[in-house]
Amino acid sequence: MVTSLLILGLLGGWLSAAEPELLFREDWKESPAEIPLGQGHVANPELKVSIYGPGQFGTKKSHHDWIENDPYYVWSGACPGNWAVSLSLNDQTIDLTGPAKIRWRSKQSGFRHLRLIVRLADDTWLVSDKSAGETSDWTVQEFSIQAIQWRELDINRVSEKKRVTVPNLTQVKEIGFTDLMPGGASDACSRLDWIEVYGKIAE
């Protein structure tokens, strides 16, 4: 009996470790399309949005009423330069170690690869090697944080720098996305419908 309880306890601990907590999801407000993206477009009241880069004022909260089931999403097609969007959770830091993961629904056109970005406790920014590329329709992607390789990100220019081999992801201040490119209207752009972050609140 004691052995069975021990096994169940270990199994329960393993399952909880394998399934990180959903810390937040952002779907964007169901409001008319508008440029630029701003705090008024954030649906989750616990989140703060920040926009970076020379193309930041071209980011758009988009939606088309005449397209059936068209989501309310972030669109990069009008960005005149590189851009990045990030979200922070009530000024809390997030631990993205262990089984942490990020999921999103996106659609890219042209040579666009939408990548994850994170801001660390020391204000270093990183950008992921993993990305979501061109698709003909909206697609859900899941990124295991453990499987990602990172490079430093110049957040002012939104351009990649040197490789970072062992980043400290125990206290992440902001989490977001970029394709490291200016917009090229509908033929060359990134679109993000929603994003989910799984991990734990940093101690």
N, C-alpha and C. Protein backbone atom coordinates (compact mmCIF):
# COMPACT_ATOMS: atom_id res chain seq x y z
N MET A 1 0.83 -1.21 0.00
CA MET A 1 0.00 0.00 0.00
C MET A 1 0.86 1.25 0.00
N VAL A 2 1.90 1.25 0.88
CA VAL A 2 2.80 2.40 0.95
C VAL A 2 3.53 2.58 -0.37
N THR A 3 3.95 1.45 -0.97
CA THR A 3 4.64 1.51 -2.26
C THR A 3 3.75 2.09 -3.34
N SER A 4 2.48 1.66 -3.34
CA SER A 4 1.53 2.17 -4.34
C SER A 4 1.32 3.67 -4.19
N LEU A 5 1.20 4.14 -2.95
CA LEU A 5 1.02 5.57 -2.71
C LEU A 5 2.24 6.36 -3.15
N LEU A 6 3.43 5.76 -2.90
CA LEU A 6 4.67 6.43 -3.31
C LEU A 6 4.73 6.56 -4.82
N ILE A 7 4.37 5.49 -5.51
CA ILE A 7 4.38 5.51 -6.98
C ILE A 7 3.39 6.54 -7.51
N LEU A 8 2.19 6.58 -6.92
CA LEU A 8 1.19 7.55 -7.34
C LEU A 8 1.67 8.97 -7.09
N GLY A 9 2.33 9.18 -5.96
CA GLY A 9 2.85 10.51 -5.65
C GLY A 9 3.92 10.95 -6.64
N LEU A 10 4.83 10.00 -6.97
CA LEU A 10 5.88 10.32 -7.94
C LEU A 10 5.28 10.57 -9.31
N LEU A 11 4.28 9.75 -9.69
CA LEU A 11 3.62 9.92 -10.98
C LEU A 11 2.91 11.26 -11.05
N GLY A 12 2.23 11.64 -9.95
CA GLY A 12 1.55 12.93 -9.92
C GLY A 12 2.52 14.08 -10.05
N GLY A 13 3.68 13.96 -9.39
CA GLY A 13 4.69 15.01 -9.50
C GLY A 13 5.24 15.11 -10.91
N TRP A 14 5.44 13.91 -11.56
CA TRP A 14 5.96 13.92 -12.93
C TRP A 14 4.95 14.55 -13.88
N LEU A 15 3.67 14.22 -13.71
CA LEU A 15 2.65 14.78 -14.59
C LEU A 15 2.55 16.29 -14.42
N SER A 16 2.62 16.78 -13.18
CA SER A 16 2.53 18.22 -12.96
C SER A 16 3.74 18.92 -13.54
N ALA A 17 4.92 18.26 -13.49
CA ALA A 17 6.12 18.86 -14.07
C ALA A 17 6.03 18.88 -15.59
N ALA A 18 5.33 17.86 -16.17
CA ALA A 18 5.24 17.76 -17.62
C ALA A 18 4.19 18.70 -18.19
N GLU A 19 3.32 19.23 -17.37
CA GLU A 19 2.25 20.11 -17.84
C GLU A 19 2.36 21.47 -17.16
N PRO A 20 3.10 22.39 -17.76
CA PRO A 20 3.25 23.71 -17.14
C PRO A 20 1.92 24.46 -17.12
N GLU A 21 1.84 25.41 -16.22
CA GLU A 21 0.60 26.19 -16.04
C GLU A 21 0.43 27.22 -17.14
N LEU A 22 -0.81 27.39 -17.61
CA LEU A 22 -1.11 28.47 -18.53
C LEU A 22 -1.12 29.77 -17.74
N LEU A 23 -0.12 30.62 -17.98
CA LEU A 23 0.00 31.88 -17.24
C LEU A 23 -0.83 32.99 -17.85
N PHE A 24 -0.87 33.05 -19.17
CA PHE A 24 -1.76 34.03 -19.80
C PHE A 24 -2.00 33.66 -21.26
N ARG A 25 -3.10 34.22 -21.76
CA ARG A 25 -3.45 34.14 -23.17
C ARG A 25 -3.94 35.51 -23.60
N GLU A 26 -3.54 35.92 -24.79
CA GLU A 26 -4.02 37.18 -25.34
C GLU A 26 -4.65 36.93 -26.71
N ASP A 27 -5.92 37.41 -26.87
CA ASP A 27 -6.67 37.25 -28.11
C ASP A 27 -6.91 38.58 -28.85
N TRP A 28 -6.58 39.70 -28.21
CA TRP A 28 -6.81 41.05 -28.76
C TRP A 28 -8.31 41.37 -28.77
N LYS A 29 -8.61 42.61 -28.53
CA LYS A 29 -10.01 43.05 -28.43
C LYS A 29 -10.72 42.97 -29.78
N GLU A 30 -12.01 42.68 -29.69
CA GLU A 30 -12.85 42.62 -30.89
C GLU A 30 -13.34 44.03 -31.20
N SER A 31 -12.45 44.80 -31.77
CA SER A 31 -12.72 46.21 -32.09
C SER A 31 -12.26 46.49 -33.52
N PRO A 32 -12.68 47.62 -34.10
CA PRO A 32 -12.30 47.91 -35.48
C PRO A 32 -10.79 47.98 -35.68
N ALA A 33 -10.36 47.70 -36.88
CA ALA A 33 -8.94 47.75 -37.22
C ALA A 33 -8.38 49.14 -36.97
N GLU A 34 -7.12 49.19 -36.52
CA GLU A 34 -6.52 50.48 -36.18
C GLU A 34 -4.99 50.37 -36.18
N ILE A 35 -4.35 51.46 -36.61
CA ILE A 35 -2.89 51.61 -36.56
C ILE A 35 -2.56 52.83 -35.69
N PRO A 36 -1.56 52.74 -34.79
CA PRO A 36 -0.75 51.56 -34.46
C PRO A 36 -1.41 50.73 -33.38
N LEU A 37 -0.87 49.55 -33.17
CA LEU A 37 -1.28 48.71 -32.05
C LEU A 37 -0.97 49.42 -30.74
N GLY A 38 -1.85 49.29 -29.75
CA GLY A 38 -1.62 49.95 -28.46
C GLY A 38 -2.32 49.22 -27.33
N GLN A 39 -2.21 49.77 -26.14
CA GLN A 39 -2.76 49.13 -24.95
C GLN A 39 -4.27 48.96 -25.04
N GLY A 40 -4.94 49.86 -25.73
CA GLY A 40 -6.38 49.76 -25.89
C GLY A 40 -6.85 48.57 -26.68
N HIS A 41 -5.92 47.87 -27.34
CA HIS A 41 -6.28 46.70 -28.14
C HIS A 41 -6.07 45.39 -27.38
N VAL A 42 -5.56 45.48 -26.15
CA VAL A 42 -5.26 44.28 -25.36
C VAL A 42 -6.52 43.83 -24.64
N ALA A 43 -6.91 42.57 -24.83
CA ALA A 43 -8.14 42.05 -24.23
C ALA A 43 -7.93 41.61 -22.78
N ASN A 44 -6.76 41.08 -22.46
CA ASN A 44 -6.49 40.58 -21.12
C ASN A 44 -6.09 41.74 -20.20
N PRO A 45 -6.88 42.05 -19.17
CA PRO A 45 -6.58 43.20 -18.32
C PRO A 45 -5.31 43.05 -17.49
N GLU A 46 -4.76 41.84 -17.42
CA GLU A 46 -3.55 41.61 -16.65
C GLU A 46 -2.28 41.83 -17.46
N LEU A 47 -2.44 42.17 -18.75
CA LEU A 47 -1.28 42.28 -19.62
C LEU A 47 -1.02 43.71 -20.07
N LYS A 48 0.26 44.01 -20.26
CA LYS A 48 0.69 45.29 -20.82
C LYS A 48 1.43 45.00 -22.13
N VAL A 49 1.07 45.73 -23.19
CA VAL A 49 1.73 45.55 -24.47
C VAL A 49 2.79 46.63 -24.66
N SER A 50 3.90 46.25 -25.28
CA SER A 50 4.96 47.20 -25.65
C SER A 50 5.33 46.93 -27.10
N ILE A 51 5.61 48.00 -27.84
CA ILE A 51 5.97 47.88 -29.26
C ILE A 51 7.32 48.55 -29.46
N TYR A 52 8.20 47.91 -30.25
CA TYR A 52 9.58 48.37 -30.39
C TYR A 52 9.97 48.44 -31.87
N GLY A 53 11.08 49.15 -32.11
CA GLY A 53 11.72 49.16 -33.42
C GLY A 53 11.32 50.33 -34.29
N PRO A 54 12.07 50.54 -35.38
CA PRO A 54 11.79 51.66 -36.28
C PRO A 54 10.45 51.53 -36.99
N GLY A 55 9.89 50.32 -37.04
CA GLY A 55 8.59 50.13 -37.70
C GLY A 55 7.43 50.03 -36.76
N GLN A 56 7.64 50.36 -35.47
CA GLN A 56 6.61 50.12 -34.46
C GLN A 56 5.29 50.83 -34.72
N PHE A 57 5.33 52.02 -35.30
CA PHE A 57 4.09 52.77 -35.50
C PHE A 57 3.28 52.28 -36.69
N GLY A 58 3.79 51.26 -37.37
CA GLY A 58 3.03 50.64 -38.45
C GLY A 58 2.32 49.36 -38.04
N THR A 59 2.54 48.92 -36.80
CA THR A 59 1.84 47.71 -36.34
C THR A 59 0.34 47.98 -36.28
N LYS A 60 -0.42 47.00 -36.69
CA LYS A 60 -1.86 47.19 -36.81
C LYS A 60 -2.63 46.11 -36.07
N LYS A 61 -3.67 46.51 -35.33
CA LYS A 61 -4.66 45.54 -34.82
C LYS A 61 -5.70 45.42 -35.93
N SER A 62 -5.70 44.30 -36.61
CA SER A 62 -6.46 44.16 -37.85
C SER A 62 -7.69 43.27 -37.68
N HIS A 63 -8.62 43.43 -38.60
CA HIS A 63 -9.82 42.59 -38.68
C HIS A 63 -10.61 43.04 -39.91
N HIS A 64 -11.25 42.06 -40.57
CA HIS A 64 -12.06 42.35 -41.76
C HIS A 64 -13.46 41.79 -41.55
N ASP A 65 -14.43 42.67 -41.43
CA ASP A 65 -15.81 42.23 -41.19
C ASP A 65 -16.37 41.40 -42.33
N TRP A 66 -15.88 41.63 -43.55
CA TRP A 66 -16.45 40.96 -44.71
C TRP A 66 -15.85 39.56 -44.94
N ILE A 67 -14.84 39.21 -44.15
CA ILE A 67 -14.25 37.87 -44.25
C ILE A 67 -14.84 36.98 -43.16
N GLU A 68 -15.45 35.88 -43.52
CA GLU A 68 -16.07 35.00 -42.55
C GLU A 68 -15.04 34.44 -41.57
N ASN A 69 -15.33 34.53 -40.29
CA ASN A 69 -14.48 34.01 -39.22
C ASN A 69 -13.09 34.66 -39.18
N ASP A 70 -12.97 35.86 -39.72
CA ASP A 70 -11.69 36.55 -39.67
C ASP A 70 -11.39 36.94 -38.22
N PRO A 71 -10.23 36.57 -37.69
CA PRO A 71 -9.94 36.90 -36.29
C PRO A 71 -9.53 38.36 -36.11
N TYR A 72 -9.37 38.75 -34.87
CA TYR A 72 -8.81 40.06 -34.52
C TYR A 72 -7.34 39.83 -34.20
N TYR A 73 -6.45 40.42 -34.99
CA TYR A 73 -5.06 39.98 -34.95
C TYR A 73 -4.09 41.15 -35.15
N VAL A 74 -2.83 40.87 -34.83
CA VAL A 74 -1.76 41.84 -35.07
C VAL A 74 -1.20 41.60 -36.46
N TRP A 75 -1.00 42.68 -37.22
CA TRP A 75 -0.54 42.60 -38.61
C TRP A 75 0.66 43.52 -38.80
N SER A 76 1.67 43.02 -39.51
CA SER A 76 2.92 43.79 -39.69
C SER A 76 3.06 44.41 -41.07
N GLY A 77 2.09 44.23 -41.95
CA GLY A 77 2.26 44.62 -43.34
C GLY A 77 2.54 46.09 -43.58
N ALA A 78 2.10 46.97 -42.67
CA ALA A 78 2.30 48.41 -42.86
C ALA A 78 3.54 48.94 -42.14
N CYS A 79 4.33 48.07 -41.51
CA CYS A 79 5.51 48.53 -40.76
C CYS A 79 6.61 48.99 -41.72
N PRO A 80 7.07 50.26 -41.62
CA PRO A 80 8.10 50.76 -42.52
C PRO A 80 9.50 50.28 -42.19
N GLY A 81 9.67 49.64 -41.04
CA GLY A 81 10.96 49.11 -40.62
C GLY A 81 10.73 47.90 -39.73
N ASN A 82 11.81 47.36 -39.19
CA ASN A 82 11.70 46.22 -38.29
C ASN A 82 10.87 46.58 -37.06
N TRP A 83 10.20 45.61 -36.50
CA TRP A 83 9.24 45.85 -35.42
C TRP A 83 9.26 44.67 -34.46
N ALA A 84 8.74 44.87 -33.27
CA ALA A 84 8.57 43.79 -32.29
C ALA A 84 7.44 44.16 -31.35
N VAL A 85 6.69 43.15 -30.92
CA VAL A 85 5.59 43.33 -29.97
C VAL A 85 5.84 42.40 -28.79
N SER A 86 5.67 42.92 -27.57
CA SER A 86 5.84 42.06 -26.39
C SER A 86 4.71 42.30 -25.40
N LEU A 87 4.54 41.32 -24.50
CA LEU A 87 3.53 41.39 -23.45
C LEU A 87 4.20 41.11 -22.10
N SER A 88 3.76 41.81 -21.07
CA SER A 88 4.23 41.55 -19.71
C SER A 88 3.02 41.35 -18.81
N LEU A 89 3.21 40.53 -17.76
CA LEU A 89 2.12 40.09 -16.91
C LEU A 89 2.16 40.83 -15.57
N ASN A 90 1.38 41.91 -15.45
CA ASN A 90 1.23 42.62 -14.17
C ASN A 90 2.55 42.87 -13.45
N ASP A 91 3.59 43.22 -14.22
CA ASP A 91 4.91 43.50 -13.66
C ASP A 91 5.51 42.29 -12.93
N GLN A 92 4.99 41.09 -13.18
CA GLN A 92 5.58 39.89 -12.63
C GLN A 92 6.58 39.30 -13.62
N THR A 93 7.56 38.56 -13.10
CA THR A 93 8.49 37.86 -13.97
C THR A 93 8.09 36.40 -14.08
N ILE A 94 8.44 35.79 -15.20
CA ILE A 94 8.00 34.43 -15.53
C ILE A 94 9.21 33.52 -15.66
N ASP A 95 9.09 32.32 -15.12
CA ASP A 95 10.12 31.30 -15.22
C ASP A 95 9.79 30.41 -16.42
N LEU A 96 10.66 30.47 -17.44
CA LEU A 96 10.45 29.69 -18.66
C LEU A 96 11.40 28.49 -18.74
N THR A 97 11.85 28.00 -17.60
CA THR A 97 12.70 26.81 -17.60
C THR A 97 11.82 25.56 -17.54
N GLY A 98 12.48 24.39 -17.57
CA GLY A 98 11.75 23.12 -17.49
C GLY A 98 10.82 22.91 -18.67
N PRO A 99 9.57 22.51 -18.40
CA PRO A 99 8.66 22.18 -19.50
C PRO A 99 7.92 23.39 -20.09
N ALA A 100 8.38 24.58 -19.84
CA ALA A 100 7.69 25.79 -20.34
C ALA A 100 7.52 25.74 -21.85
N LYS A 101 6.42 26.32 -22.32
CA LYS A 101 6.16 26.34 -23.75
C LYS A 101 5.33 27.56 -24.10
N ILE A 102 5.33 27.88 -25.38
CA ILE A 102 4.51 28.98 -25.91
C ILE A 102 3.77 28.48 -27.13
N ARG A 103 2.49 28.81 -27.21
CA ARG A 103 1.67 28.44 -28.36
C ARG A 103 1.08 29.71 -28.96
N TRP A 104 0.92 29.70 -30.26
CA TRP A 104 0.22 30.80 -30.90
C TRP A 104 -0.43 30.35 -32.20
N ARG A 105 -1.32 31.19 -32.67
CA ARG A 105 -1.98 30.97 -33.97
C ARG A 105 -1.56 32.11 -34.87
N SER A 106 -0.95 31.78 -36.00
CA SER A 106 -0.40 32.83 -36.86
C SER A 106 -0.55 32.45 -38.33
N LYS A 107 -0.26 33.44 -39.15
CA LYS A 107 -0.30 33.24 -40.60
C LYS A 107 0.70 34.20 -41.22
N GLN A 108 1.69 33.66 -41.92
CA GLN A 108 2.71 34.49 -42.55
C GLN A 108 2.61 34.42 -44.07
N SER A 109 2.95 35.52 -44.71
CA SER A 109 3.01 35.58 -46.17
C SER A 109 4.41 36.02 -46.59
N GLY A 110 4.90 35.46 -47.69
CA GLY A 110 6.24 35.82 -48.14
C GLY A 110 7.31 35.14 -47.29
N PHE A 111 8.53 35.67 -47.38
CA PHE A 111 9.65 35.07 -46.65
C PHE A 111 9.67 35.52 -45.20
N ARG A 112 8.55 35.35 -44.52
CA ARG A 112 8.45 35.79 -43.13
C ARG A 112 8.54 34.59 -42.20
N HIS A 113 9.30 34.76 -41.10
CA HIS A 113 9.43 33.74 -40.07
C HIS A 113 9.21 34.41 -38.73
N LEU A 114 8.04 34.20 -38.16
CA LEU A 114 7.69 34.84 -36.90
C LEU A 114 8.40 34.12 -35.75
N ARG A 115 9.15 34.88 -34.95
CA ARG A 115 10.01 34.32 -33.91
C ARG A 115 9.60 34.83 -32.52
N LEU A 116 9.94 34.05 -31.52
CA LEU A 116 9.74 34.46 -30.13
C LEU A 116 10.82 35.45 -29.71
N ILE A 117 10.45 36.39 -28.84
CA ILE A 117 11.43 37.25 -28.19
C ILE A 117 11.14 37.26 -26.70
N VAL A 118 12.20 37.43 -25.90
CA VAL A 118 12.05 37.53 -24.44
C VAL A 118 13.00 38.60 -23.91
N ARG A 119 12.56 39.25 -22.85
CA ARG A 119 13.40 40.22 -22.14
C ARG A 119 13.74 39.62 -20.78
N LEU A 120 15.04 39.49 -20.50
CA LEU A 120 15.50 38.85 -19.27
C LEU A 120 15.57 39.84 -18.12
N ALA A 121 15.89 39.30 -16.94
CA ALA A 121 15.94 40.12 -15.73
C ALA A 121 16.98 41.24 -15.83
N ASP A 122 18.08 41.01 -16.56
CA ASP A 122 19.12 42.03 -16.70
C ASP A 122 18.87 42.94 -17.90
N ASP A 123 17.67 42.86 -18.48
CA ASP A 123 17.22 43.67 -19.62
C ASP A 123 17.85 43.27 -20.95
N THR A 124 18.54 42.13 -20.97
CA THR A 124 18.97 41.56 -22.24
C THR A 124 17.76 41.01 -22.99
N TRP A 125 17.73 41.27 -24.29
CA TRP A 125 16.67 40.72 -25.14
C TRP A 125 17.22 39.57 -25.96
N LEU A 126 16.41 38.53 -26.16
CA LEU A 126 16.79 37.37 -26.96
C LEU A 126 15.73 37.12 -28.03
N VAL A 127 16.18 36.53 -29.14
CA VAL A 127 15.26 36.13 -30.21
C VAL A 127 15.54 34.67 -30.56
N SER A 128 14.50 33.91 -30.86
CA SER A 128 14.61 32.46 -31.03
C SER A 128 15.02 32.06 -32.44
N ASP A 129 15.64 30.87 -32.52
CA ASP A 129 15.90 30.28 -33.83
C ASP A 129 14.64 29.63 -34.38
N LYS A 130 13.80 29.09 -33.51
CA LYS A 130 12.55 28.48 -33.95
C LYS A 130 11.58 29.56 -34.43
N SER A 131 10.79 29.24 -35.43
CA SER A 131 9.90 30.25 -36.00
C SER A 131 8.72 29.60 -36.69
N ALA A 132 7.75 30.43 -37.03
CA ALA A 132 6.60 30.01 -37.82
C ALA A 132 6.70 30.67 -39.19
N GLY A 133 6.82 29.88 -40.23
CA GLY A 133 7.01 30.40 -41.57
C GLY A 133 5.72 30.59 -42.34
N GLU A 134 5.86 30.72 -43.66
CA GLU A 134 4.73 31.01 -44.53
C GLU A 134 3.72 29.86 -44.52
N THR A 135 2.45 30.22 -44.42
CA THR A 135 1.36 29.23 -44.50
C THR A 135 0.24 29.81 -45.34
N SER A 136 -0.58 28.92 -45.88
CA SER A 136 -1.70 29.38 -46.71
C SER A 136 -2.91 29.74 -45.87
N ASP A 137 -2.91 29.31 -44.60
CA ASP A 137 -4.05 29.59 -43.72
C ASP A 137 -3.53 29.73 -42.29
N TRP A 138 -4.42 30.09 -41.39
CA TRP A 138 -4.06 30.21 -39.98
C TRP A 138 -3.62 28.85 -39.44
N THR A 139 -2.51 28.85 -38.69
CA THR A 139 -1.92 27.62 -38.18
C THR A 139 -1.50 27.81 -36.73
N VAL A 140 -1.73 26.79 -35.90
CA VAL A 140 -1.31 26.81 -34.51
C VAL A 140 0.07 26.16 -34.39
N GLN A 141 1.00 26.86 -33.76
CA GLN A 141 2.34 26.33 -33.51
C GLN A 141 2.59 26.26 -32.02
N GLU A 142 3.39 25.28 -31.61
CA GLU A 142 3.79 25.15 -30.21
C GLU A 142 5.31 25.09 -30.14
N PHE A 143 5.89 25.90 -29.24
CA PHE A 143 7.33 25.98 -29.10
C PHE A 143 7.74 25.51 -27.71
N SER A 144 8.53 24.45 -27.63
CA SER A 144 9.13 24.02 -26.37
C SER A 144 10.33 24.91 -26.10
N ILE A 145 10.33 25.62 -24.99
CA ILE A 145 11.41 26.56 -24.71
C ILE A 145 12.75 25.84 -24.61
N GLN A 146 12.75 24.62 -24.07
CA GLN A 146 14.00 23.86 -23.94
C GLN A 146 14.65 23.57 -25.29
N ALA A 147 13.85 23.51 -26.35
CA ALA A 147 14.37 23.15 -27.67
C ALA A 147 14.88 24.35 -28.47
N ILE A 148 14.77 25.54 -27.90
CA ILE A 148 15.12 26.76 -28.63
C ILE A 148 16.57 27.14 -28.42
N GLN A 149 17.21 27.59 -29.50
CA GLN A 149 18.51 28.26 -29.41
C GLN A 149 18.25 29.76 -29.58
N TRP A 150 19.07 30.56 -28.90
CA TRP A 150 18.80 31.99 -28.83
C TRP A 150 19.95 32.83 -29.35
N ARG A 151 19.61 34.01 -29.83
CA ARG A 151 20.58 35.06 -30.12
C ARG A 151 20.16 36.33 -29.40
N GLU A 152 21.14 37.16 -29.06
CA GLU A 152 20.81 38.47 -28.51
C GLU A 152 20.02 39.27 -29.54
N LEU A 153 19.15 40.13 -29.04
CA LEU A 153 18.34 40.98 -29.92
C LEU A 153 18.59 42.44 -29.58
N ASP A 154 18.96 43.23 -30.58
CA ASP A 154 19.02 44.67 -30.42
C ASP A 154 17.59 45.17 -30.52
N ILE A 155 16.98 45.49 -29.38
CA ILE A 155 15.55 45.81 -29.37
C ILE A 155 15.25 47.15 -30.03
N ASN A 156 16.22 48.05 -30.08
CA ASN A 156 15.99 49.35 -30.72
C ASN A 156 15.93 49.21 -32.25
N ARG A 157 16.79 48.38 -32.79
CA ARG A 157 16.80 48.15 -34.24
C ARG A 157 15.98 46.92 -34.62
N VAL A 158 15.70 46.08 -33.61
CA VAL A 158 15.05 44.77 -33.80
C VAL A 158 15.84 43.96 -34.83
N SER A 159 17.10 43.71 -34.47
CA SER A 159 17.99 42.91 -35.31
C SER A 159 18.77 41.95 -34.42
N GLU A 160 19.07 40.78 -34.96
CA GLU A 160 19.77 39.76 -34.18
C GLU A 160 21.25 40.07 -34.04
N LYS A 161 21.84 39.54 -32.94
CA LYS A 161 23.27 39.72 -32.67
C LYS A 161 23.89 38.36 -32.39
N LYS A 162 24.81 38.28 -31.44
CA LYS A 162 25.56 37.04 -31.21
C LYS A 162 24.70 35.96 -30.56
N ARG A 163 25.14 34.71 -30.70
CA ARG A 163 24.46 33.57 -30.10
C ARG A 163 24.65 33.57 -28.59
N VAL A 164 23.63 33.18 -27.88
CA VAL A 164 23.69 33.04 -26.42
C VAL A 164 23.46 31.57 -26.11
N THR A 165 24.46 30.91 -25.50
CA THR A 165 24.40 29.46 -25.35
C THR A 165 23.58 29.02 -24.14
N VAL A 166 23.70 29.70 -23.00
CA VAL A 166 22.98 29.27 -21.80
C VAL A 166 22.29 30.49 -21.17
N PRO A 167 21.20 30.96 -21.75
CA PRO A 167 20.51 32.12 -21.18
C PRO A 167 19.80 31.77 -19.88
N ASN A 168 19.69 32.73 -18.99
CA ASN A 168 18.98 32.54 -17.73
C ASN A 168 17.51 32.92 -17.95
N LEU A 169 16.67 31.92 -18.07
CA LEU A 169 15.25 32.13 -18.35
C LEU A 169 14.38 31.99 -17.10
N THR A 170 14.99 32.12 -15.93
CA THR A 170 14.24 31.95 -14.68
C THR A 170 13.42 33.19 -14.32
N GLN A 171 13.77 34.35 -14.89
CA GLN A 171 13.03 35.57 -14.60
C GLN A 171 12.89 36.40 -15.88
N VAL A 172 11.85 36.10 -16.62
CA VAL A 172 11.60 36.76 -17.90
C VAL A 172 10.58 37.87 -17.69
N LYS A 173 10.93 39.09 -18.12
CA LYS A 173 10.07 40.25 -17.91
C LYS A 173 9.01 40.43 -19.00
N GLU A 174 9.38 40.16 -20.25
CA GLU A 174 8.46 40.36 -21.37
C GLU A 174 8.61 39.21 -22.35
N ILE A 175 7.52 38.86 -23.01
CA ILE A 175 7.50 37.78 -24.00
C ILE A 175 6.74 38.29 -25.22
N GLY A 176 7.30 38.08 -26.40
CA GLY A 176 6.62 38.59 -27.58
C GLY A 176 7.07 37.94 -28.87
N PHE A 177 7.00 38.71 -29.96
CA PHE A 177 7.22 38.14 -31.29
C PHE A 177 7.68 39.21 -32.27
N THR A 178 8.40 38.78 -33.29
CA THR A 178 8.86 39.63 -34.39
C THR A 178 9.26 38.73 -35.55
N ASP A 179 9.28 39.28 -36.76
CA ASP A 179 9.83 38.54 -37.89
C ASP A 179 11.13 39.16 -38.40
N LEU A 180 11.64 40.17 -37.67
CA LEU A 180 12.93 40.80 -37.97
C LEU A 180 12.96 41.46 -39.35
N MET A 181 11.78 41.86 -39.85
CA MET A 181 11.71 42.46 -41.18
C MET A 181 10.66 43.57 -41.23
N PRO A 182 10.83 44.54 -42.15
CA PRO A 182 9.75 45.50 -42.40
C PRO A 182 8.57 44.80 -43.05
N GLY A 183 7.41 45.45 -43.02
CA GLY A 183 6.23 44.91 -43.68
C GLY A 183 6.26 45.13 -45.17
N GLY A 184 5.59 44.27 -45.89
CA GLY A 184 5.47 44.39 -47.33
C GLY A 184 4.04 44.23 -47.78
N ALA A 185 3.13 44.90 -47.04
CA ALA A 185 1.68 44.81 -47.28
C ALA A 185 1.23 43.35 -47.14
N SER A 186 0.13 42.98 -47.77
CA SER A 186 -0.45 41.64 -47.55
C SER A 186 0.38 40.52 -48.16
N ASP A 187 1.24 40.84 -49.13
CA ASP A 187 2.03 39.80 -49.79
C ASP A 187 3.27 39.41 -49.00
N ALA A 188 3.67 40.23 -48.02
CA ALA A 188 4.89 39.95 -47.25
C ALA A 188 4.71 40.51 -45.84
N CYS A 189 4.14 39.67 -44.96
CA CYS A 189 3.78 40.16 -43.64
C CYS A 189 3.62 39.01 -42.66
N SER A 190 3.54 39.36 -41.39
CA SER A 190 3.22 38.40 -40.34
C SER A 190 1.90 38.78 -39.70
N ARG A 191 1.16 37.76 -39.27
CA ARG A 191 -0.12 37.96 -38.58
C ARG A 191 -0.14 37.05 -37.35
N LEU A 192 -0.56 37.59 -36.22
CA LEU A 192 -0.70 36.79 -35.00
C LEU A 192 -2.08 36.97 -34.42
N ASP A 193 -2.83 35.86 -34.33
CA ASP A 193 -4.20 35.87 -33.82
C ASP A 193 -4.19 35.85 -32.29
N TRP A 194 -3.60 34.80 -31.69
CA TRP A 194 -3.52 34.73 -30.22
C TRP A 194 -2.21 34.10 -29.80
N ILE A 195 -1.85 34.30 -28.53
CA ILE A 195 -0.63 33.73 -27.97
C ILE A 195 -0.93 33.23 -26.57
N GLU A 196 -0.38 32.06 -26.22
CA GLU A 196 -0.49 31.48 -24.89
C GLU A 196 0.91 31.22 -24.33
N VAL A 197 1.12 31.54 -23.06
CA VAL A 197 2.41 31.32 -22.39
C VAL A 197 2.20 30.36 -21.24
N TYR A 198 2.97 29.26 -21.24
CA TYR A 198 2.91 28.24 -20.21
C TYR A 198 4.23 28.21 -19.46
N GLY A 199 4.19 28.30 -18.15
CA GLY A 199 5.38 28.24 -17.34
C GLY A 199 4.99 28.38 -15.88
N LYS A 200 5.75 29.16 -15.13
CA LYS A 200 5.39 29.45 -13.74
C LYS A 200 5.86 30.84 -13.38
N ILE A 201 5.21 31.43 -12.38
CA ILE A 201 5.62 32.74 -11.90
C ILE A 201 6.95 32.59 -11.18
N ALA A 202 7.90 33.47 -11.49
CA ALA A 202 9.23 33.39 -10.89
C ALA A 202 9.17 33.68 -9.40
N GLU A 203 10.01 33.01 -8.66
CA GLU A 203 10.07 33.21 -7.21
C GLU A 203 10.96 34.40 -6.86
